[in-house]
Amino acid sequence: MKRSKIMELGVGLFMLAGILGLVFLGLRVSGMTLQAPGDTFRLEANFANIGTLKPRARVTMAGVTVGRVSTIELDTDWYDARVILELDGDLEGRLSRDTTAAILTAGLLGEQYIGLSVGGDPETLANGDTLRDTQSAIVLEELIQQFVSNLVSD
């Protein structure tokens, strides 16, 4: 009798550890973080074409993830896509005003993310500033269409 109770407890603990492992794995794969709101600062960037960029996409510098895309909306003044970036709070006051943001693709057909490259301007960006120098996404379908139209016109 006592042995079956210990066995039931062991199986229950094993199941609980398995469920917690699946929750942890799900959070890691989805890119969700458990950071406090004060640990980040916000920048905006406008792009003519964002391709398939989605909220919660990575923001990287030199291949290191330094933030996430929080919001994507249409800028009705210029009819561009306004992308709101939530970056690590450690970077606040360290990114120069001429920092560039480019929409990049992981691999040939992988997910799209934003890559930041720091410039040399001594003035820095503050919370809520806008990145002026941006490079839109390269859309594979448009490249194929241009290639085919060039073949037909030759």
N, C-alpha and C. Protein backbone atom coordinates (compact mmCIF):
# COMPACT_ATOMS: atom_id res chain seq x y z
N MET A 1 0.82 -1.19 0.00
CA MET A 1 0.00 0.00 0.00
C MET A 1 0.87 1.26 0.00
N LYS A 2 1.87 1.28 0.88
CA LYS A 2 2.74 2.45 0.98
C LYS A 2 3.56 2.61 -0.30
N ARG A 3 3.95 1.50 -0.90
CA ARG A 3 4.75 1.54 -2.13
C ARG A 3 3.94 2.12 -3.29
N SER A 4 2.66 1.80 -3.38
CA SER A 4 1.83 2.33 -4.48
C SER A 4 1.62 3.84 -4.33
N LYS A 5 1.52 4.34 -3.11
CA LYS A 5 1.38 5.78 -2.90
C LYS A 5 2.65 6.51 -3.35
N ILE A 6 3.81 5.96 -3.03
CA ILE A 6 5.07 6.56 -3.45
C ILE A 6 5.19 6.53 -4.97
N MET A 7 4.76 5.44 -5.57
CA MET A 7 4.81 5.32 -7.02
C MET A 7 3.87 6.33 -7.68
N GLU A 8 2.68 6.49 -7.13
CA GLU A 8 1.73 7.47 -7.67
C GLU A 8 2.29 8.89 -7.55
N LEU A 9 2.92 9.19 -6.43
CA LEU A 9 3.53 10.50 -6.24
C LEU A 9 4.65 10.73 -7.25
N GLY A 10 5.46 9.71 -7.48
CA GLY A 10 6.55 9.80 -8.46
C GLY A 10 6.03 10.04 -9.87
N VAL A 11 4.98 9.31 -10.25
CA VAL A 11 4.40 9.49 -11.57
C VAL A 11 3.80 10.88 -11.71
N GLY A 12 3.15 11.35 -10.65
CA GLY A 12 2.58 12.70 -10.67
C GLY A 12 3.64 13.77 -10.83
N LEU A 13 4.75 13.64 -10.10
CA LEU A 13 5.85 14.60 -10.23
C LEU A 13 6.47 14.55 -11.62
N PHE A 14 6.59 13.34 -12.17
CA PHE A 14 7.12 13.19 -13.53
C PHE A 14 6.22 13.89 -14.55
N MET A 15 4.92 13.71 -14.40
CA MET A 15 3.96 14.36 -15.31
C MET A 15 4.01 15.88 -15.16
N LEU A 16 4.12 16.38 -13.94
CA LEU A 16 4.21 17.81 -13.70
C LEU A 16 5.47 18.39 -14.34
N ALA A 17 6.60 17.69 -14.20
CA ALA A 17 7.85 18.14 -14.82
C ALA A 17 7.72 18.15 -16.34
N GLY A 18 7.05 17.16 -16.91
CA GLY A 18 6.84 17.12 -18.35
C GLY A 18 5.97 18.27 -18.84
N ILE A 19 4.92 18.58 -18.12
CA ILE A 19 4.03 19.69 -18.51
C ILE A 19 4.78 21.02 -18.41
N LEU A 20 5.53 21.22 -17.34
CA LEU A 20 6.32 22.45 -17.20
C LEU A 20 7.36 22.57 -18.31
N GLY A 21 7.97 21.45 -18.68
CA GLY A 21 8.93 21.45 -19.79
C GLY A 21 8.27 21.85 -21.10
N LEU A 22 7.07 21.36 -21.37
CA LEU A 22 6.36 21.73 -22.59
C LEU A 22 5.97 23.20 -22.59
N VAL A 23 5.55 23.75 -21.45
CA VAL A 23 5.22 25.17 -21.36
C VAL A 23 6.48 26.01 -21.63
N PHE A 24 7.59 25.64 -21.01
CA PHE A 24 8.85 26.36 -21.22
C PHE A 24 9.26 26.31 -22.69
N LEU A 25 9.19 25.14 -23.31
CA LEU A 25 9.54 24.99 -24.72
C LEU A 25 8.63 25.82 -25.60
N GLY A 26 7.34 25.83 -25.31
CA GLY A 26 6.39 26.64 -26.08
C GLY A 26 6.69 28.12 -25.99
N LEU A 27 7.06 28.60 -24.80
CA LEU A 27 7.40 30.01 -24.64
C LEU A 27 8.67 30.36 -25.40
N ARG A 28 9.65 29.48 -25.38
CA ARG A 28 10.92 29.74 -26.08
C ARG A 28 10.71 29.76 -27.59
N VAL A 29 9.95 28.83 -28.12
CA VAL A 29 9.72 28.74 -29.56
C VAL A 29 8.90 29.93 -30.05
N SER A 30 7.92 30.37 -29.26
CA SER A 30 7.06 31.48 -29.69
C SER A 30 7.76 32.82 -29.57
N GLY A 31 8.89 32.89 -28.85
CA GLY A 31 9.62 34.14 -28.72
C GLY A 31 9.10 35.04 -27.62
N MET A 32 8.20 34.55 -26.81
CA MET A 32 7.67 35.37 -25.72
C MET A 32 8.72 35.48 -24.62
N THR A 33 8.80 36.66 -24.02
CA THR A 33 9.74 36.86 -22.93
C THR A 33 8.99 37.29 -21.68
N LEU A 34 9.64 37.14 -20.55
CA LEU A 34 9.03 37.52 -19.29
C LEU A 34 9.75 38.72 -18.69
N GLN A 35 10.08 39.71 -19.52
CA GLN A 35 10.77 40.89 -19.04
C GLN A 35 9.78 41.87 -18.44
N ALA A 36 10.26 42.61 -17.47
CA ALA A 36 9.44 43.67 -16.89
C ALA A 36 9.35 44.82 -17.88
N PRO A 37 8.24 45.58 -17.92
CA PRO A 37 8.09 46.67 -18.88
C PRO A 37 9.18 47.73 -18.79
N GLY A 38 9.78 47.93 -17.63
CA GLY A 38 10.80 48.96 -17.47
C GLY A 38 12.14 48.59 -18.10
N ASP A 39 12.31 47.36 -18.53
CA ASP A 39 13.58 46.89 -19.07
C ASP A 39 13.76 47.23 -20.55
N THR A 40 12.79 47.89 -21.17
CA THR A 40 12.87 48.15 -22.61
C THR A 40 12.68 49.63 -22.91
N PHE A 41 13.09 50.01 -24.11
CA PHE A 41 12.74 51.33 -24.61
C PHE A 41 12.27 51.21 -26.04
N ARG A 42 11.52 52.19 -26.50
CA ARG A 42 10.79 52.10 -27.76
C ARG A 42 11.40 53.00 -28.83
N LEU A 43 11.51 52.45 -30.03
CA LEU A 43 11.89 53.21 -31.22
C LEU A 43 10.87 52.93 -32.31
N GLU A 44 10.74 53.87 -33.25
CA GLU A 44 9.86 53.69 -34.40
C GLU A 44 10.70 53.70 -35.66
N ALA A 45 10.21 52.99 -36.67
CA ALA A 45 10.85 53.00 -37.98
C ALA A 45 9.77 52.85 -39.04
N ASN A 46 9.89 53.60 -40.15
CA ASN A 46 8.94 53.50 -41.26
C ASN A 46 9.59 52.78 -42.42
N PHE A 47 8.84 51.85 -43.02
CA PHE A 47 9.33 51.07 -44.15
C PHE A 47 8.32 51.15 -45.28
N ALA A 48 8.80 51.22 -46.52
CA ALA A 48 7.91 51.22 -47.68
C ALA A 48 7.26 49.86 -47.87
N ASN A 49 7.98 48.78 -47.52
CA ASN A 49 7.46 47.43 -47.67
C ASN A 49 8.04 46.56 -46.56
N ILE A 50 7.18 45.93 -45.76
CA ILE A 50 7.68 45.10 -44.66
C ILE A 50 7.67 43.61 -45.00
N GLY A 51 7.21 43.25 -46.20
CA GLY A 51 7.18 41.84 -46.58
C GLY A 51 6.27 41.06 -45.64
N THR A 52 6.82 40.02 -45.02
CA THR A 52 6.04 39.18 -44.10
C THR A 52 6.47 39.39 -42.65
N LEU A 53 7.04 40.55 -42.35
CA LEU A 53 7.44 40.85 -40.97
C LEU A 53 6.20 40.84 -40.08
N LYS A 54 6.34 40.24 -38.90
CA LYS A 54 5.21 40.10 -37.99
C LYS A 54 5.56 40.65 -36.60
N PRO A 55 4.54 41.03 -35.83
CA PRO A 55 4.82 41.41 -34.43
C PRO A 55 5.52 40.26 -33.71
N ARG A 56 6.36 40.60 -32.76
CA ARG A 56 7.20 39.69 -31.98
C ARG A 56 8.39 39.16 -32.79
N ALA A 57 8.64 39.70 -34.00
CA ALA A 57 9.82 39.31 -34.75
C ALA A 57 11.06 39.84 -34.03
N ARG A 58 12.18 39.18 -34.24
CA ARG A 58 13.42 39.58 -33.58
C ARG A 58 13.95 40.90 -34.11
N VAL A 59 14.64 41.63 -33.25
CA VAL A 59 15.44 42.79 -33.64
C VAL A 59 16.86 42.45 -33.21
N THR A 60 17.81 42.48 -34.16
CA THR A 60 19.16 42.05 -33.85
C THR A 60 20.19 43.13 -34.15
N MET A 61 21.33 43.01 -33.49
CA MET A 61 22.52 43.80 -33.79
C MET A 61 23.67 42.81 -33.79
N ALA A 62 24.41 42.75 -34.90
CA ALA A 62 25.54 41.84 -35.04
C ALA A 62 25.14 40.39 -34.76
N GLY A 63 23.91 40.04 -35.10
CA GLY A 63 23.43 38.68 -34.92
C GLY A 63 22.89 38.37 -33.54
N VAL A 64 22.95 39.32 -32.62
CA VAL A 64 22.48 39.12 -31.25
C VAL A 64 21.09 39.75 -31.10
N THR A 65 20.14 39.01 -30.57
CA THR A 65 18.79 39.54 -30.38
C THR A 65 18.81 40.59 -29.27
N VAL A 66 18.38 41.81 -29.62
CA VAL A 66 18.37 42.93 -28.67
C VAL A 66 16.97 43.48 -28.45
N GLY A 67 15.97 42.86 -29.05
CA GLY A 67 14.61 43.34 -28.87
C GLY A 67 13.63 42.60 -29.75
N ARG A 68 12.41 43.11 -29.77
CA ARG A 68 11.32 42.51 -30.55
C ARG A 68 10.50 43.62 -31.21
N VAL A 69 9.82 43.25 -32.29
CA VAL A 69 8.84 44.14 -32.92
C VAL A 69 7.58 44.06 -32.08
N SER A 70 7.08 45.21 -31.60
CA SER A 70 5.88 45.16 -30.76
C SER A 70 4.61 45.42 -31.56
N THR A 71 4.67 46.37 -32.50
CA THR A 71 3.47 46.75 -33.25
C THR A 71 3.83 47.09 -34.69
N ILE A 72 2.93 46.75 -35.61
CA ILE A 72 3.06 47.16 -37.01
C ILE A 72 1.73 47.79 -37.40
N GLU A 73 1.80 49.02 -37.92
CA GLU A 73 0.57 49.73 -38.31
C GLU A 73 0.84 50.56 -39.56
N LEU A 74 -0.23 51.00 -40.19
CA LEU A 74 -0.11 51.83 -41.38
C LEU A 74 -0.02 53.30 -40.97
N ASP A 75 1.00 53.99 -41.48
CA ASP A 75 1.15 55.43 -41.27
C ASP A 75 0.30 56.11 -42.34
N THR A 76 -0.84 56.68 -41.94
CA THR A 76 -1.78 57.24 -42.92
C THR A 76 -1.30 58.57 -43.51
N ASP A 77 -0.25 59.18 -42.94
CA ASP A 77 0.28 60.40 -43.53
C ASP A 77 1.12 60.09 -44.78
N TRP A 78 1.97 59.08 -44.68
CA TRP A 78 2.88 58.73 -45.79
C TRP A 78 2.53 57.42 -46.46
N TYR A 79 1.57 56.68 -45.92
CA TYR A 79 1.18 55.36 -46.44
C TYR A 79 2.36 54.40 -46.46
N ASP A 80 3.12 54.44 -45.39
CA ASP A 80 4.20 53.50 -45.13
C ASP A 80 3.79 52.64 -43.94
N ALA A 81 4.56 51.59 -43.72
CA ALA A 81 4.35 50.77 -42.54
C ALA A 81 5.17 51.34 -41.39
N ARG A 82 4.51 51.64 -40.28
CA ARG A 82 5.21 52.11 -39.08
C ARG A 82 5.42 50.90 -38.17
N VAL A 83 6.68 50.63 -37.86
CA VAL A 83 7.05 49.50 -37.03
C VAL A 83 7.57 50.03 -35.69
N ILE A 84 6.99 49.55 -34.61
CA ILE A 84 7.40 49.94 -33.26
C ILE A 84 8.31 48.84 -32.72
N LEU A 85 9.53 49.24 -32.31
CA LEU A 85 10.52 48.29 -31.80
C LEU A 85 10.64 48.46 -30.29
N GLU A 86 10.65 47.36 -29.57
CA GLU A 86 10.92 47.36 -28.13
C GLU A 86 12.31 46.77 -27.95
N LEU A 87 13.28 47.62 -27.56
CA LEU A 87 14.67 47.20 -27.43
C LEU A 87 15.08 47.10 -25.96
N ASP A 88 16.14 46.34 -25.71
CA ASP A 88 16.67 46.21 -24.35
C ASP A 88 16.98 47.58 -23.77
N GLY A 89 16.64 47.78 -22.52
CA GLY A 89 16.87 49.05 -21.85
C GLY A 89 18.34 49.43 -21.78
N ASP A 90 19.24 48.44 -21.83
CA ASP A 90 20.68 48.71 -21.79
C ASP A 90 21.14 49.53 -22.98
N LEU A 91 20.40 49.48 -24.09
CA LEU A 91 20.81 50.19 -25.31
C LEU A 91 20.35 51.64 -25.34
N GLU A 92 19.47 52.02 -24.42
CA GLU A 92 18.97 53.40 -24.43
C GLU A 92 20.12 54.38 -24.20
N GLY A 93 20.22 55.36 -25.08
CA GLY A 93 21.29 56.34 -25.00
C GLY A 93 22.61 55.87 -25.60
N ARG A 94 22.62 54.69 -26.21
CA ARG A 94 23.86 54.15 -26.80
C ARG A 94 23.79 54.01 -28.32
N LEU A 95 22.58 54.08 -28.89
CA LEU A 95 22.43 53.97 -30.35
C LEU A 95 22.53 55.36 -30.97
N SER A 96 23.40 55.50 -31.96
CA SER A 96 23.58 56.80 -32.59
C SER A 96 22.37 57.17 -33.45
N ARG A 97 22.20 58.46 -33.71
CA ARG A 97 21.06 58.95 -34.50
C ARG A 97 21.05 58.41 -35.91
N ASP A 98 22.23 58.03 -36.45
CA ASP A 98 22.27 57.51 -37.82
C ASP A 98 22.26 55.98 -37.88
N THR A 99 21.71 55.36 -36.84
CA THR A 99 21.54 53.90 -36.84
C THR A 99 20.57 53.52 -37.96
N THR A 100 20.89 52.46 -38.70
CA THR A 100 20.01 52.00 -39.79
C THR A 100 19.27 50.75 -39.37
N ALA A 101 18.07 50.60 -39.89
CA ALA A 101 17.24 49.42 -39.65
C ALA A 101 16.91 48.80 -41.00
N ALA A 102 17.19 47.51 -41.15
CA ALA A 102 16.90 46.80 -42.39
C ALA A 102 16.09 45.55 -42.08
N ILE A 103 15.11 45.26 -42.93
CA ILE A 103 14.35 44.02 -42.79
C ILE A 103 15.12 42.94 -43.52
N LEU A 104 15.54 41.93 -42.78
CA LEU A 104 16.36 40.84 -43.31
C LEU A 104 15.58 39.54 -43.24
N THR A 105 16.07 38.53 -43.95
CA THR A 105 15.44 37.22 -43.96
C THR A 105 16.43 36.18 -43.48
N ALA A 106 16.01 35.34 -42.56
CA ALA A 106 16.84 34.25 -42.06
C ALA A 106 16.81 33.12 -43.09
N GLY A 107 17.89 32.95 -43.83
CA GLY A 107 17.94 31.93 -44.87
C GLY A 107 17.22 32.40 -46.12
N LEU A 108 17.01 31.49 -47.05
CA LEU A 108 16.38 31.85 -48.32
C LEU A 108 14.89 32.15 -48.16
N LEU A 109 14.19 31.29 -47.43
CA LEU A 109 12.75 31.46 -47.26
C LEU A 109 12.36 31.52 -45.78
N GLY A 110 13.28 31.92 -44.92
CA GLY A 110 13.02 31.92 -43.48
C GLY A 110 12.22 33.12 -43.01
N GLU A 111 12.13 33.23 -41.70
CA GLU A 111 11.39 34.33 -41.09
C GLU A 111 12.11 35.65 -41.33
N GLN A 112 11.35 36.72 -41.32
CA GLN A 112 11.94 38.04 -41.47
C GLN A 112 12.11 38.67 -40.10
N TYR A 113 13.18 39.45 -39.97
CA TYR A 113 13.49 40.14 -38.73
C TYR A 113 14.14 41.47 -39.07
N ILE A 114 14.38 42.30 -38.07
CA ILE A 114 15.00 43.60 -38.29
C ILE A 114 16.42 43.57 -37.76
N GLY A 115 17.35 44.01 -38.61
CA GLY A 115 18.75 44.12 -38.22
C GLY A 115 19.12 45.58 -38.07
N LEU A 116 19.73 45.94 -36.96
CA LEU A 116 20.18 47.30 -36.71
C LEU A 116 21.69 47.39 -36.92
N SER A 117 22.12 48.49 -37.53
CA SER A 117 23.55 48.79 -37.69
C SER A 117 23.80 50.18 -37.15
N VAL A 118 24.72 50.28 -36.23
CA VAL A 118 25.00 51.56 -35.57
C VAL A 118 25.92 52.39 -36.45
N GLY A 119 25.65 53.69 -36.51
CA GLY A 119 26.47 54.62 -37.28
C GLY A 119 27.52 55.27 -36.40
N GLY A 120 27.97 56.45 -36.79
CA GLY A 120 29.03 57.13 -36.07
C GLY A 120 28.64 58.47 -35.48
N ASP A 121 27.37 58.85 -35.57
CA ASP A 121 26.92 60.14 -35.04
C ASP A 121 27.08 60.17 -33.52
N PRO A 122 27.64 61.24 -32.96
CA PRO A 122 27.80 61.30 -31.50
C PRO A 122 26.48 61.49 -30.75
N GLU A 123 25.45 62.03 -31.42
CA GLU A 123 24.15 62.16 -30.78
C GLU A 123 23.45 60.80 -30.77
N THR A 124 22.70 60.54 -29.71
CA THR A 124 22.08 59.22 -29.56
C THR A 124 20.56 59.31 -29.62
N LEU A 125 19.94 58.15 -29.82
CA LEU A 125 18.49 58.04 -29.87
C LEU A 125 17.94 57.87 -28.46
N ALA A 126 16.78 58.47 -28.22
CA ALA A 126 16.10 58.35 -26.92
C ALA A 126 14.80 57.59 -27.10
N ASN A 127 14.16 57.28 -26.01
CA ASN A 127 12.89 56.57 -26.03
C ASN A 127 11.87 57.32 -26.87
N GLY A 128 11.23 56.62 -27.84
CA GLY A 128 10.21 57.22 -28.69
C GLY A 128 10.72 57.85 -29.97
N ASP A 129 12.05 57.91 -30.17
CA ASP A 129 12.60 58.49 -31.40
C ASP A 129 12.32 57.60 -32.60
N THR A 130 12.53 58.18 -33.79
CA THR A 130 12.28 57.46 -35.04
C THR A 130 13.60 57.22 -35.77
N LEU A 131 13.79 56.00 -36.23
CA LEU A 131 14.94 55.67 -37.07
C LEU A 131 14.65 56.19 -38.47
N ARG A 132 15.51 57.03 -39.00
CA ARG A 132 15.28 57.67 -40.30
C ARG A 132 15.78 56.83 -41.47
N ASP A 133 16.87 56.12 -41.27
CA ASP A 133 17.49 55.36 -42.37
C ASP A 133 17.03 53.91 -42.29
N THR A 134 16.11 53.52 -43.19
CA THR A 134 15.57 52.16 -43.19
C THR A 134 15.69 51.54 -44.57
N GLN A 135 15.76 50.22 -44.59
CA GLN A 135 15.79 49.47 -45.84
C GLN A 135 14.64 48.46 -45.81
N SER A 136 13.78 48.53 -46.81
CA SER A 136 12.60 47.67 -46.86
C SER A 136 12.97 46.23 -47.14
N ALA A 137 12.00 45.36 -46.97
CA ALA A 137 12.18 43.94 -47.20
C ALA A 137 12.35 43.65 -48.69
N ILE A 138 13.14 42.65 -48.98
CA ILE A 138 13.25 42.15 -50.35
C ILE A 138 12.21 41.05 -50.50
N VAL A 139 11.27 41.25 -51.39
CA VAL A 139 10.18 40.31 -51.59
C VAL A 139 10.54 39.39 -52.74
N LEU A 140 10.63 38.10 -52.46
CA LEU A 140 11.07 37.11 -53.45
C LEU A 140 10.17 37.11 -54.69
N GLU A 141 8.88 37.27 -54.50
CA GLU A 141 7.95 37.26 -55.63
C GLU A 141 8.23 38.41 -56.60
N GLU A 142 8.56 39.59 -56.04
CA GLU A 142 8.87 40.74 -56.90
C GLU A 142 10.16 40.52 -57.67
N LEU A 143 11.15 39.90 -57.06
CA LEU A 143 12.40 39.60 -57.75
C LEU A 143 12.16 38.63 -58.91
N ILE A 144 11.35 37.62 -58.67
CA ILE A 144 11.04 36.64 -59.73
C ILE A 144 10.29 37.31 -60.86
N GLN A 145 9.34 38.19 -60.51
CA GLN A 145 8.57 38.91 -61.53
C GLN A 145 9.48 39.78 -62.38
N GLN A 146 10.42 40.49 -61.77
CA GLN A 146 11.36 41.32 -62.52
C GLN A 146 12.24 40.47 -63.42
N PHE A 147 12.69 39.33 -62.92
CA PHE A 147 13.53 38.44 -63.72
C PHE A 147 12.79 37.92 -64.93
N VAL A 148 11.54 37.49 -64.74
CA VAL A 148 10.74 36.97 -65.85
C VAL A 148 10.43 38.06 -66.85
N SER A 149 10.09 39.25 -66.38
CA SER A 149 9.78 40.34 -67.31
C SER A 149 11.02 40.76 -68.10
N ASN A 150 12.21 40.67 -67.51
CA ASN A 150 13.45 40.97 -68.24
C ASN A 150 13.73 39.91 -69.29
N LEU A 151 13.41 38.64 -68.99
CA LEU A 151 13.60 37.57 -69.98
C LEU A 151 12.66 37.75 -71.17
N VAL A 152 11.42 38.13 -70.88
CA VAL A 152 10.43 38.30 -71.94
C VAL A 152 10.76 39.50 -72.83
N SER A 153 11.26 40.58 -72.23
CA SER A 153 11.53 41.78 -73.01
C SER A 153 12.80 41.67 -73.87
N ASP A 154 13.67 40.71 -73.56
CA ASP A 154 14.92 40.56 -74.35
C ASP A 154 14.71 39.84 -75.64
